[in-house]
């Protein structure tokens, strides 16, 4: 037979577990951890991007400063005035379902003028076209 006190402890434990599970875990930005991964996925970037944006003044830095901090970008734009680091890419076979990127825009002199996080849900876009 379960005692009332044990039931209360069980309920408290379950509530705390639910609260912890609902919170997204964040990490402080660190250069080494930013680039950890298999070359296609970087699992710690999503945990660090918020801290990176909050604690580092990125606008005004030069491209070389960003590379020194984050390593070489994953992609460049056609005009080479913007580049991005992939935060998340969800795939289904060869189809991309979702992307989240950290996008930098710079001048011709390589000075960063804007930084933003972009997200695109390809699955949702495909469903909306139907």
N, C-alpha and C. Protein backbone atom coordinates (compact mmCIF):
# COMPACT_ATOMS: atom_id res chain seq x y z
N UNK A 1 0.84 -1.18 0.00
CA UNK A 1 0.00 0.00 0.00
C UNK A 1 0.89 1.25 0.00
N UNK A 2 0.54 2.22 -0.85
CA UNK A 2 1.31 3.46 -0.96
C UNK A 2 0.81 4.44 0.08
N UNK A 3 1.78 4.99 0.79
CA UNK A 3 1.42 5.97 1.82
C UNK A 3 1.18 7.34 1.18
N UNK A 4 0.31 8.15 1.79
CA UNK A 4 0.02 9.49 1.24
C UNK A 4 1.28 10.34 1.07
N UNK A 5 2.22 10.21 1.98
CA UNK A 5 3.44 11.01 1.88
C UNK A 5 4.23 10.64 0.63
N UNK A 6 4.29 9.36 0.31
CA UNK A 6 5.00 8.91 -0.87
C UNK A 6 4.33 9.41 -2.15
N UNK A 7 3.01 9.46 -2.13
CA UNK A 7 2.28 9.97 -3.29
C UNK A 7 2.62 11.44 -3.52
N UNK A 8 2.68 12.22 -2.45
CA UNK A 8 3.03 13.64 -2.57
C UNK A 8 4.44 13.81 -3.14
N UNK A 9 5.38 13.02 -2.66
CA UNK A 9 6.75 13.09 -3.17
C UNK A 9 6.79 12.70 -4.65
N UNK A 10 6.04 11.69 -5.00
CA UNK A 10 5.97 11.24 -6.39
C UNK A 10 5.41 12.35 -7.28
N UNK A 11 4.35 13.01 -6.84
CA UNK A 11 3.75 14.09 -7.62
C UNK A 11 4.73 15.25 -7.77
N UNK A 12 5.40 15.62 -6.70
CA UNK A 12 6.39 16.70 -6.76
C UNK A 12 7.52 16.34 -7.73
N UNK A 13 7.99 15.11 -7.63
CA UNK A 13 9.06 14.65 -8.52
C UNK A 13 8.62 14.72 -9.99
N UNK A 14 7.42 14.28 -10.28
CA UNK A 14 6.93 14.29 -11.66
C UNK A 14 6.75 15.72 -12.18
N UNK A 15 6.28 16.62 -11.34
CA UNK A 15 6.13 18.02 -11.75
C UNK A 15 7.49 18.65 -12.06
N UNK A 16 8.46 18.38 -11.22
CA UNK A 16 9.81 18.92 -11.44
C UNK A 16 10.41 18.34 -12.72
N UNK A 17 10.22 17.06 -12.94
CA UNK A 17 10.73 16.42 -14.16
C UNK A 17 10.09 17.04 -15.40
N UNK A 18 8.80 17.30 -15.34
CA UNK A 18 8.09 17.91 -16.46
C UNK A 18 8.59 19.33 -16.72
N UNK A 19 8.85 20.08 -15.67
CA UNK A 19 9.37 21.44 -15.83
C UNK A 19 10.75 21.41 -16.47
N UNK A 20 11.60 20.53 -16.01
CA UNK A 20 12.94 20.44 -16.58
C UNK A 20 12.91 20.00 -18.03
N UNK A 21 12.04 19.09 -18.35
CA UNK A 21 11.94 18.60 -19.73
C UNK A 21 11.42 19.67 -20.67
N UNK A 22 10.60 20.58 -20.17
CA UNK A 22 10.03 21.61 -21.03
C UNK A 22 11.01 22.74 -21.29
N UNK A 23 12.04 22.87 -20.48
CA UNK A 23 13.04 23.91 -20.67
C UNK A 23 14.05 23.48 -21.72
N UNK A 24 14.44 24.41 -22.58
CA UNK A 24 15.47 24.13 -23.56
C UNK A 24 16.81 24.43 -22.91
N UNK A 25 17.71 23.49 -22.99
CA UNK A 25 19.01 23.63 -22.39
C UNK A 25 19.87 24.55 -23.24
N UNK A 26 20.54 25.48 -22.63
CA UNK A 26 21.42 26.41 -23.33
C UNK A 26 22.84 26.24 -22.81
N UNK A 27 23.80 26.59 -23.65
CA UNK A 27 25.21 26.53 -23.27
C UNK A 27 25.88 27.85 -23.58
N UNK A 28 26.93 28.14 -22.83
CA UNK A 28 27.75 29.31 -23.14
C UNK A 28 28.50 29.03 -24.43
N UNK A 29 28.68 30.08 -25.23
CA UNK A 29 29.43 29.92 -26.47
C UNK A 29 30.89 29.62 -26.16
N UNK A 30 31.43 28.64 -26.86
CA UNK A 30 32.86 28.37 -26.83
C UNK A 30 33.27 27.92 -28.23
N UNK A 31 34.39 28.42 -28.68
CA UNK A 31 34.84 28.19 -30.06
C UNK A 31 34.94 26.71 -30.39
N UNK A 32 35.55 25.95 -29.52
CA UNK A 32 35.76 24.52 -29.79
C UNK A 32 34.41 23.80 -29.92
N UNK A 33 33.51 24.05 -28.99
CA UNK A 33 32.21 23.39 -29.01
C UNK A 33 31.36 23.78 -30.20
N UNK A 34 31.52 25.02 -30.68
CA UNK A 34 30.75 25.50 -31.82
C UNK A 34 30.97 24.62 -33.04
N UNK A 35 32.18 24.17 -33.24
CA UNK A 35 32.52 23.42 -34.44
C UNK A 35 32.50 21.90 -34.24
N UNK A 36 32.13 21.44 -33.05
CA UNK A 36 32.06 20.00 -32.81
C UNK A 36 30.94 19.40 -33.64
N UNK A 37 31.22 18.29 -34.25
CA UNK A 37 30.22 17.61 -35.06
C UNK A 37 30.91 16.73 -36.08
N UNK A 38 30.12 16.20 -36.98
CA UNK A 38 30.67 15.29 -37.98
C UNK A 38 30.93 15.97 -39.32
N UNK A 39 30.84 17.28 -39.37
CA UNK A 39 31.04 18.01 -40.62
C UNK A 39 29.73 18.29 -41.35
N UNK A 40 28.70 17.54 -41.01
CA UNK A 40 27.37 17.77 -41.59
C UNK A 40 26.40 18.30 -40.54
N UNK A 41 26.56 17.86 -39.32
CA UNK A 41 25.72 18.33 -38.22
C UNK A 41 26.61 18.85 -37.10
N UNK A 42 26.11 19.87 -36.43
CA UNK A 42 26.84 20.51 -35.34
C UNK A 42 25.88 20.63 -34.16
N UNK A 43 25.75 19.58 -33.36
CA UNK A 43 24.70 19.52 -32.35
C UNK A 43 24.76 20.60 -31.27
N UNK A 44 25.92 21.17 -31.02
CA UNK A 44 26.01 22.16 -29.94
C UNK A 44 25.71 23.59 -30.41
N UNK A 45 25.70 23.83 -31.69
CA UNK A 45 25.47 25.19 -32.19
C UNK A 45 24.12 25.74 -31.75
N UNK A 46 23.08 24.94 -31.83
CA UNK A 46 21.76 25.42 -31.44
C UNK A 46 21.71 25.78 -29.96
N UNK A 47 22.50 25.10 -29.15
CA UNK A 47 22.55 25.39 -27.72
C UNK A 47 23.34 26.66 -27.42
N UNK A 48 24.25 27.04 -28.33
CA UNK A 48 25.16 28.16 -28.09
C UNK A 48 24.78 29.46 -28.80
N UNK A 49 23.96 29.38 -29.84
CA UNK A 49 23.75 30.56 -30.68
C UNK A 49 23.15 31.73 -29.91
N UNK A 50 22.25 31.46 -29.00
CA UNK A 50 21.63 32.55 -28.21
C UNK A 50 22.68 33.27 -27.37
N UNK A 51 23.56 32.52 -26.71
CA UNK A 51 24.62 33.12 -25.90
C UNK A 51 25.61 33.89 -26.78
N UNK A 52 25.94 33.34 -27.94
CA UNK A 52 26.85 34.02 -28.87
C UNK A 52 26.31 35.39 -29.23
N UNK A 53 25.04 35.46 -29.60
CA UNK A 53 24.44 36.74 -30.00
C UNK A 53 24.30 37.71 -28.83
N UNK A 54 24.06 37.18 -27.64
CA UNK A 54 23.86 38.04 -26.47
C UNK A 54 25.16 38.57 -25.88
N UNK A 55 26.24 37.82 -26.01
CA UNK A 55 27.47 38.19 -25.30
C UNK A 55 28.61 38.66 -26.19
N UNK A 56 28.45 38.60 -27.50
CA UNK A 56 29.52 39.03 -28.41
C UNK A 56 28.98 40.08 -29.38
N UNK A 57 29.72 41.18 -29.50
CA UNK A 57 29.36 42.23 -30.45
C UNK A 57 29.93 41.82 -31.81
N UNK A 58 29.08 41.32 -32.68
CA UNK A 58 29.52 40.79 -33.97
C UNK A 58 29.47 41.83 -35.08
N UNK A 59 28.47 42.72 -35.03
CA UNK A 59 28.37 43.79 -36.03
C UNK A 59 29.55 44.73 -35.84
N UNK A 60 30.22 45.05 -36.93
CA UNK A 60 31.40 45.92 -36.87
C UNK A 60 32.71 45.15 -36.95
N UNK A 61 32.66 43.86 -36.67
CA UNK A 61 33.86 43.04 -36.80
C UNK A 61 34.15 42.78 -38.27
N UNK A 62 35.36 42.38 -38.57
CA UNK A 62 35.74 42.00 -39.93
C UNK A 62 35.49 40.51 -40.12
N UNK A 63 35.36 40.11 -41.39
CA UNK A 63 35.15 38.71 -41.74
C UNK A 63 36.19 37.81 -41.07
N UNK A 64 37.46 38.22 -41.11
CA UNK A 64 38.53 37.40 -40.52
C UNK A 64 38.34 37.22 -39.01
N UNK A 65 37.79 38.22 -38.33
CA UNK A 65 37.50 38.08 -36.89
C UNK A 65 36.44 37.01 -36.65
N UNK A 66 35.42 37.00 -37.50
CA UNK A 66 34.35 36.00 -37.38
C UNK A 66 34.90 34.61 -37.63
N UNK A 67 35.73 34.46 -38.67
CA UNK A 67 36.35 33.16 -38.96
C UNK A 67 37.23 32.72 -37.80
N UNK A 68 37.93 33.65 -37.19
CA UNK A 68 38.75 33.31 -36.03
C UNK A 68 37.92 32.83 -34.85
N UNK A 69 36.71 33.32 -34.75
CA UNK A 69 35.83 32.95 -33.64
C UNK A 69 35.01 31.69 -33.95
N UNK A 70 34.47 31.60 -35.17
CA UNK A 70 33.50 30.55 -35.50
C UNK A 70 34.01 29.52 -36.51
N UNK A 71 35.23 29.68 -36.99
CA UNK A 71 35.78 28.86 -38.07
C UNK A 71 35.19 29.31 -39.40
N UNK A 72 35.56 28.65 -40.48
CA UNK A 72 35.13 29.06 -41.81
C UNK A 72 33.63 28.81 -41.98
N UNK A 73 32.90 29.72 -42.65
CA UNK A 73 31.45 29.56 -42.83
C UNK A 73 31.08 28.31 -43.63
N UNK A 74 29.85 27.88 -43.46
CA UNK A 74 29.35 26.73 -44.20
C UNK A 74 28.99 27.09 -45.64
N UNK A 75 28.50 28.30 -45.85
CA UNK A 75 28.09 28.72 -47.21
C UNK A 75 28.25 30.23 -47.37
N UNK A 76 28.43 30.63 -48.64
CA UNK A 76 28.46 32.04 -49.03
C UNK A 76 27.32 32.31 -49.99
N UNK A 77 26.86 33.57 -50.04
CA UNK A 77 25.85 33.95 -51.03
C UNK A 77 26.51 34.08 -52.40
N UNK A 78 25.70 34.23 -53.42
CA UNK A 78 26.23 34.36 -54.78
C UNK A 78 27.09 35.61 -54.93
N UNK A 79 26.69 36.69 -54.27
CA UNK A 79 27.45 37.94 -54.38
C UNK A 79 28.60 38.01 -53.36
N UNK A 80 28.72 36.99 -52.53
CA UNK A 80 29.77 36.88 -51.51
C UNK A 80 29.72 37.99 -50.46
N UNK A 81 28.58 38.67 -50.34
CA UNK A 81 28.45 39.70 -49.31
C UNK A 81 27.66 39.19 -48.11
N UNK A 82 27.29 37.94 -48.14
CA UNK A 82 26.70 37.32 -46.95
C UNK A 82 27.15 35.87 -46.89
N UNK A 83 27.17 35.36 -45.68
CA UNK A 83 27.59 33.98 -45.46
C UNK A 83 26.85 33.46 -44.25
N UNK A 84 26.81 32.15 -44.11
CA UNK A 84 26.08 31.62 -42.95
C UNK A 84 26.73 30.37 -42.37
N UNK A 85 26.35 30.15 -41.12
CA UNK A 85 26.72 28.94 -40.38
C UNK A 85 25.44 28.17 -40.14
N UNK A 86 25.48 26.90 -40.48
CA UNK A 86 24.31 26.06 -40.30
C UNK A 86 24.17 25.69 -38.83
N UNK A 87 22.99 25.95 -38.28
CA UNK A 87 22.71 25.62 -36.88
C UNK A 87 22.02 24.26 -36.83
N UNK A 88 20.97 24.11 -37.63
CA UNK A 88 20.21 22.85 -37.68
C UNK A 88 19.83 22.58 -39.14
N UNK A 89 19.90 21.33 -39.54
CA UNK A 89 19.36 20.88 -40.83
C UNK A 89 18.71 19.53 -40.59
N UNK A 90 17.40 19.47 -40.78
CA UNK A 90 16.66 18.21 -40.64
C UNK A 90 16.36 17.69 -42.04
N UNK A 91 16.68 16.43 -42.25
CA UNK A 91 16.52 15.81 -43.56
C UNK A 91 15.59 14.61 -43.49
N UNK A 92 15.00 14.30 -44.64
CA UNK A 92 14.25 13.06 -44.84
C UNK A 92 14.75 12.49 -46.15
N UNK A 93 15.67 11.55 -46.07
CA UNK A 93 16.32 11.05 -47.28
C UNK A 93 17.16 12.16 -47.87
N UNK A 94 16.85 12.54 -49.12
CA UNK A 94 17.60 13.63 -49.75
C UNK A 94 16.88 14.97 -49.66
N UNK A 95 15.69 14.97 -49.07
CA UNK A 95 14.90 16.19 -48.95
C UNK A 95 15.18 16.92 -47.65
N UNK A 96 15.40 18.23 -47.76
CA UNK A 96 15.57 19.06 -46.57
C UNK A 96 14.19 19.41 -46.03
N UNK A 97 13.98 19.17 -44.74
CA UNK A 97 12.70 19.48 -44.10
C UNK A 97 12.72 20.82 -43.38
N UNK A 98 13.87 21.15 -42.77
CA UNK A 98 13.94 22.34 -41.92
C UNK A 98 15.39 22.80 -41.83
N UNK A 99 15.60 24.11 -41.85
CA UNK A 99 16.94 24.66 -41.62
C UNK A 99 16.87 25.84 -40.67
N UNK A 100 17.93 26.00 -39.93
CA UNK A 100 18.12 27.16 -39.06
C UNK A 100 19.57 27.58 -39.25
N UNK A 101 19.78 28.85 -39.62
CA UNK A 101 21.12 29.34 -39.94
C UNK A 101 21.42 30.64 -39.21
N UNK A 102 22.69 30.87 -38.96
CA UNK A 102 23.17 32.15 -38.46
C UNK A 102 23.77 32.86 -39.66
N UNK A 103 23.11 33.96 -40.09
CA UNK A 103 23.46 34.64 -41.33
C UNK A 103 24.14 35.97 -41.03
N UNK A 104 25.28 36.21 -41.69
CA UNK A 104 26.04 37.45 -41.57
C UNK A 104 26.00 38.18 -42.91
N UNK A 105 25.83 39.49 -42.86
CA UNK A 105 25.91 40.34 -44.05
C UNK A 105 27.09 41.27 -43.84
N UNK A 106 27.85 41.52 -44.92
CA UNK A 106 29.04 42.36 -44.78
C UNK A 106 29.18 43.30 -45.97
N UNK A 107 30.02 44.31 -45.80
CA UNK A 107 30.33 45.26 -46.87
C UNK A 107 31.40 44.66 -47.77
N UNK A 108 31.72 45.37 -48.85
CA UNK A 108 32.80 44.92 -49.74
C UNK A 108 34.15 44.95 -49.03
N UNK A 109 34.24 45.73 -47.96
CA UNK A 109 35.47 45.80 -47.16
C UNK A 109 35.50 44.74 -46.06
N UNK A 110 34.55 43.81 -46.09
CA UNK A 110 34.48 42.68 -45.16
C UNK A 110 34.09 43.06 -43.73
N UNK A 111 33.41 44.19 -43.56
CA UNK A 111 32.92 44.59 -42.24
C UNK A 111 31.49 44.07 -42.07
N UNK A 112 31.24 43.39 -40.97
CA UNK A 112 29.92 42.82 -40.71
C UNK A 112 28.93 43.94 -40.42
N UNK A 113 27.81 43.96 -41.17
CA UNK A 113 26.79 44.99 -40.99
C UNK A 113 25.51 44.46 -40.35
N UNK A 114 25.28 43.16 -40.42
CA UNK A 114 24.07 42.58 -39.83
C UNK A 114 24.29 41.10 -39.52
N UNK A 115 23.61 40.65 -38.47
CA UNK A 115 23.64 39.24 -38.07
C UNK A 115 22.22 38.86 -37.69
N UNK A 116 21.76 37.72 -38.20
CA UNK A 116 20.41 37.27 -37.84
C UNK A 116 20.33 35.75 -37.92
N UNK A 117 19.37 35.21 -37.19
CA UNK A 117 19.07 33.79 -37.25
C UNK A 117 17.86 33.62 -38.16
N UNK A 118 17.99 32.76 -39.16
CA UNK A 118 16.87 32.50 -40.06
C UNK A 118 16.44 31.04 -39.92
N UNK A 119 15.14 30.82 -40.06
CA UNK A 119 14.59 29.47 -40.01
C UNK A 119 13.68 29.28 -41.22
N UNK A 120 13.73 28.09 -41.77
CA UNK A 120 12.86 27.78 -42.92
C UNK A 120 12.34 26.35 -42.78
N UNK A 121 11.02 26.23 -42.84
CA UNK A 121 10.35 24.93 -42.72
C UNK A 121 9.88 24.51 -44.11
N UNK A 122 10.67 23.71 -44.78
CA UNK A 122 10.36 23.28 -46.15
C UNK A 122 9.14 22.37 -46.18
N UNK A 123 8.99 21.56 -45.16
CA UNK A 123 7.85 20.64 -45.09
C UNK A 123 6.54 21.43 -45.05
N UNK A 124 6.51 22.47 -44.21
CA UNK A 124 5.32 23.31 -44.10
C UNK A 124 5.04 24.05 -45.41
N UNK A 125 6.10 24.56 -46.04
CA UNK A 125 5.94 25.26 -47.32
C UNK A 125 5.35 24.33 -48.38
N UNK A 126 5.83 23.10 -48.41
CA UNK A 126 5.34 22.12 -49.38
C UNK A 126 3.87 21.80 -49.13
N UNK A 127 3.50 21.67 -47.86
CA UNK A 127 2.10 21.37 -47.51
C UNK A 127 1.19 22.54 -47.86
N UNK A 128 1.67 23.77 -47.70
CA UNK A 128 0.86 24.95 -48.01
C UNK A 128 0.64 25.14 -49.50
N UNK A 129 1.52 24.59 -50.33
CA UNK A 129 1.37 24.69 -51.78
C UNK A 129 0.26 23.80 -52.30
N UNK A 130 -0.06 22.75 -51.55
CA UNK A 130 -1.08 21.79 -52.01
C UNK A 130 -2.46 22.37 -51.94
